[in-house]
C-alpha atoms as a PDB file:
ATOM      1  CA  UNK A   1     -28.461 -96.448  48.010  1.00  0.00           C
ATOM      2  CA  UNK A   2     -26.091 -96.504  51.110  1.00  0.00           C
ATOM      3  CA  UNK A   3     -25.533 -92.593  50.732  1.00  0.00           C
ATOM      4  CA  UNK A   4     -29.582 -92.252  49.803  1.00  0.00           C
ATOM      5  CA  UNK A   5     -31.038 -93.474  53.022  1.00  0.00           C
ATOM      6  CA  UNK A   6     -28.500 -91.417  55.357  1.00  0.00           C
ATOM      7  CA  UNK A   7     -29.511 -88.543  53.110  1.00  0.00           C
ATOM      8  CA  UNK A   8     -33.056 -89.422  54.016  1.00  0.00           C
ATOM      9  CA  UNK A   9     -33.192 -90.014  57.383  1.00  0.00           C
ATOM     10  CA  UNK A  10     -31.001 -87.040  58.001  1.00  0.00           C
ATOM     11  CA  UNK A  11     -33.309 -84.970  56.049  1.00  0.00           C
ATOM     12  CA  UNK A  12     -36.150 -86.369  57.926  1.00  0.00           C
ATOM     13  CA  UNK A  13     -34.288 -85.635  61.600  1.00  0.00           C
ATOM     14  CA  UNK A  14     -33.430 -82.166  60.780  1.00  0.00           C
ATOM     15  CA  UNK A  15     -37.595 -81.951  59.445  1.00  0.00           C
ATOM     16  CA  UNK A  16     -38.469 -83.136  62.486  1.00  0.00           C
ATOM     17  CA  UNK A  17     -36.330 -80.931  64.619  1.00  0.00           C
ATOM     18  CA  UNK A  18     -37.595 -77.898  63.311  1.00  0.00           C
ATOM     19  CA  UNK A  19     -40.787 -78.416  63.291  1.00  0.00           C
ATOM     20  CA  UNK A  20     -40.435 -79.048  67.199  1.00  0.00           C
ATOM     21  CA  UNK A  21     -38.800 -75.449  67.514  1.00  0.00           C
ATOM     22  CA  UNK A  22     -41.394 -73.335  65.734  1.00  0.00           C
ATOM     23  CA  UNK A  23     -43.972 -75.755  67.952  1.00  0.00           C
ATOM     24  CA  UNK A  24     -41.914 -74.851  71.095  1.00  0.00           C
ATOM     25  CA  UNK A  25     -41.971 -71.257  70.550  1.00  0.00           C
ATOM     26  CA  UNK A  26     -46.030 -70.853  70.533  1.00  0.00           C
ATOM     27  CA  UNK A  27     -47.171 -70.335  73.878  1.00  0.00           C
ATOM     28  CA  UNK A  28     -48.163 -73.402  74.973  1.00  0.00           C
ATOM     29  CA  UNK A  29     -51.454 -71.375  77.267  1.00  0.00           C
ATOM     30  CA  UNK A  30     -52.795 -69.455  74.291  1.00  0.00           C
ATOM     31  CA  UNK A  31     -55.183 -72.383  73.962  1.00  0.00           C
ATOM     32  CA  UNK A  32     -56.691 -72.319  76.909  1.00  0.00           C
ATOM     33  CA  UNK A  33     -56.648 -68.555  77.872  1.00  0.00           C
ATOM     34  CA  UNK A  34     -59.050 -68.477  74.773  1.00  0.00           C
ATOM     35  CA  UNK A  35     -61.394 -71.581  75.883  1.00  0.00           C
ATOM     36  CA  UNK A  36     -61.305 -69.881  79.645  1.00  0.00           C
ATOM     37  CA  UNK A  37     -62.943 -66.357  78.288  1.00  0.00           C
ATOM     38  CA  UNK A  38     -64.946 -68.025  75.871  1.00  0.00           C
ATOM     39  CA  UNK A  39     -66.058 -70.373  78.883  1.00  0.00           C
ATOM     40  CA  UNK A  40     -66.623 -66.555  80.866  1.00  0.00           C
ATOM     41  CA  UNK A  41     -69.148 -65.267  78.175  1.00  0.00           C
ATOM     42  CA  UNK A  42     -70.469 -68.479  77.936  1.00  0.00           C
ATOM     43  CA  UNK A  43     -71.204 -69.061  81.489  1.00  0.00           C
ATOM     44  CA  UNK A  44     -72.133 -64.938  81.732  1.00  0.00           C
ATOM     45  CA  UNK A  45     -75.161 -65.391  79.070  1.00  0.00           C
ATOM     46  CA  UNK A  46     -76.360 -68.871  80.785  1.00  0.00           C
ATOM     47  CA  UNK A  47     -76.233 -66.987  83.750  1.00  0.00           C
ATOM     48  CA  UNK A  48     -78.149 -64.356  82.860  1.00  0.00           C
ATOM     49  CA  UNK A  49     -80.809 -66.597  81.086  1.00  0.00           C
ATOM     50  CA  UNK A  50     -81.751 -68.752  84.027  1.00  0.00           C
ATOM     51  CA  UNK A  51     -81.610 -64.927  85.779  1.00  0.00           C
ATOM     52  CA  UNK A  52     -84.327 -63.622  83.275  1.00  0.00           C
ATOM     53  CA  UNK A  53     -86.368 -67.076  82.737  1.00  0.00           C
ATOM     54  CA  UNK A  54     -86.435 -66.980  87.078  1.00  0.00           C
ATOM     55  CA  UNK A  55     -87.131 -63.384  87.228  1.00  0.00           C
ATOM     56  CA  UNK A  56     -90.244 -63.894  84.636  1.00  0.00           C
ATOM     57  CA  UNK A  57     -91.360 -66.602  86.377  1.00  0.00           C
ATOM     58  CA  UNK A  58     -91.331 -65.459  89.755  1.00  0.00           C
ATOM     59  CA  UNK A  59     -93.461 -62.470  88.439  1.00  0.00           C
ATOM     60  CA  UNK A  60     -95.759 -64.733  86.499  1.00  0.00           C
ATOM     61  CA  UNK A  61     -96.500 -66.656  89.303  1.00  0.00           C
ATOM     62  CA  UNK A  62     -96.587 -63.433  92.145  1.00  0.00           C
ATOM     63  CA  UNK A  63    -100.716 -62.649  92.914  1.00  0.00           C
ATOM     64  CA  UNK A  64    -101.412 -58.622  92.156  1.00  0.00           C
ATOM     65  CA  UNK A  65     -98.841 -58.358  89.031  1.00  0.00           C
ATOM     66  CA  UNK A  66     -99.480 -58.505  85.812  1.00  0.00           C
ATOM     67  CA  UNK A  67     -96.109 -60.981  84.895  1.00  0.00           C
ATOM     68  CA  UNK A  68     -97.098 -61.402  81.220  1.00  0.00           C
ATOM     69  CA  UNK A  69     -97.202 -57.610  80.418  1.00  0.00           C
ATOM     70  CA  UNK A  70     -94.068 -57.100  82.424  1.00  0.00           C
ATOM     71  CA  UNK A  71     -90.539 -57.495  80.193  1.00  0.00           C
ATOM     72  CA  UNK A  72     -87.709 -58.531  81.445  1.00  0.00           C
ATOM     73  CA  UNK A  73     -83.783 -58.439  79.917  1.00  0.00           C
ATOM     74  CA  UNK A  74     -80.540 -59.304  82.144  1.00  0.00           C
ATOM     75  CA  UNK A  75     -77.063 -58.395  81.327  1.00  0.00           C
ATOM     76  CA  UNK A  76     -74.305 -59.086  83.784  1.00  0.00           C
ATOM     77  CA  UNK A  77     -76.583 -59.635  85.627  1.00  0.00           C
ATOM     78  CA  UNK A  78     -78.740 -56.300  86.053  1.00  0.00           C
ATOM     79  CA  UNK A  79     -82.250 -57.190  85.401  1.00  0.00           C
ATOM     80  CA  UNK A  80     -84.529 -54.212  83.370  1.00  0.00           C
ATOM     81  CA  UNK A  81     -87.907 -54.434  84.018  1.00  0.00           C
ATOM     82  CA  UNK A  82     -90.516 -52.615  80.949  1.00  0.00           C
ATOM     83  CA  UNK A  83     -93.917 -52.453  80.446  1.00  0.00           C
ATOM     84  CA  UNK A  84     -96.532 -51.411  78.113  1.00  0.00           C
ATOM     85  CA  UNK A  85     -99.278 -51.490  80.131  1.00  0.00           C
ATOM     86  CA  UNK A  86     -99.165 -49.093  83.381  1.00  0.00           C
ATOM     87  CA  UNK A  87     -98.608 -50.231  86.587  1.00  0.00           C
ATOM     88  CA  UNK A  88     -99.179 -49.455  90.215  1.00  0.00           C
ATOM     89  CA  UNK A  89     -96.472 -48.182  91.999  1.00  0.00           C
ATOM     90  CA  UNK A  90     -97.629 -51.380  94.341  1.00  0.00           C
ATOM     91  CA  UNK A  91     -96.977 -53.950  91.842  1.00  0.00           C
ATOM     92  CA  UNK A  92     -93.502 -51.891  90.733  1.00  0.00           C
ATOM     93  CA  UNK A  93     -92.325 -52.311  94.463  1.00  0.00           C
ATOM     94  CA  UNK A  94     -93.016 -55.672  94.157  1.00  0.00           C
ATOM     95  CA  UNK A  95     -91.504 -56.333  91.526  1.00  0.00           C
ATOM     96  CA  UNK A  96     -88.564 -54.468  92.496  1.00  0.00           C
ATOM     97  CA  UNK A  97     -88.136 -56.096  95.817  1.00  0.00           C
ATOM     98  CA  UNK A  98     -89.244 -59.814  93.909  1.00  0.00           C
ATOM     99  CA  UNK A  99     -86.068 -58.907  91.249  1.00  0.00           C
ATOM    100  CA  UNK A 100     -83.497 -58.100  94.094  1.00  0.00           C
ATOM    101  CA  UNK A 101     -84.290 -61.543  96.164  1.00  0.00           C
ATOM    102  CA  UNK A 102     -83.242 -63.500  93.145  1.00  0.00           C
ATOM    103  CA  UNK A 103     -79.595 -64.968  92.835  1.00  0.00           C
ATOM    104  CA  UNK A 104     -76.723 -63.407  90.778  1.00  0.00           C
ATOM    105  CA  UNK A 105     -78.614 -60.012  90.217  1.00  0.00           C
ATOM    106  CA  UNK A 106     -76.941 -57.351  90.958  1.00  0.00           C
ATOM    107  CA  UNK A 107     -78.895 -54.381  90.123  1.00  0.00           C
ATOM    108  CA  UNK A 108     -82.560 -53.780  89.287  1.00  0.00           C
ATOM    109  CA  UNK A 109     -83.526 -51.359  86.543  1.00  0.00           C
ATOM    110  CA  UNK A 110     -87.476 -50.229  86.988  1.00  0.00           C
ATOM    111  CA  UNK A 111     -87.442 -46.995  84.808  1.00  0.00           C
ATOM    112  CA  UNK A 112     -89.288 -49.029  81.892  1.00  0.00           C
ATOM    113  CA  UNK A 113     -92.219 -49.741  84.235  1.00  0.00           C
ATOM    114  CA  UNK A 114     -95.284 -47.417  84.237  1.00  0.00           C
ATOM    115  CA  UNK A 115     -96.125 -46.535  87.240  1.00  0.00           C
ATOM    116  CA  UNK A 116     -99.839 -44.777  87.489  1.00  0.00           C
END
């Protein structure tokens, strides 16, 4: 019985040692790196969503701008404005200027706004 207890203790010790060695070989930073990358993507998506919402609300509250007719899309801080309804050149310029003033906007494309 004593030999069995020693054998069981030895087997357990070897198993734990081998398990520790296996876990030690894996890089400790891998999960943190993946999480950081996912967090960056989530932050960009949140930022783009916030920018789109802010641009849309500012355009809708601006007098003389058909804010409900202007479509706003944001990708990595670049805002695209488009519309199926024609706008004047002054309205297009105003919409671009409003958009450029919003924090986080890197560039504005108004090629999709049909000017009269």
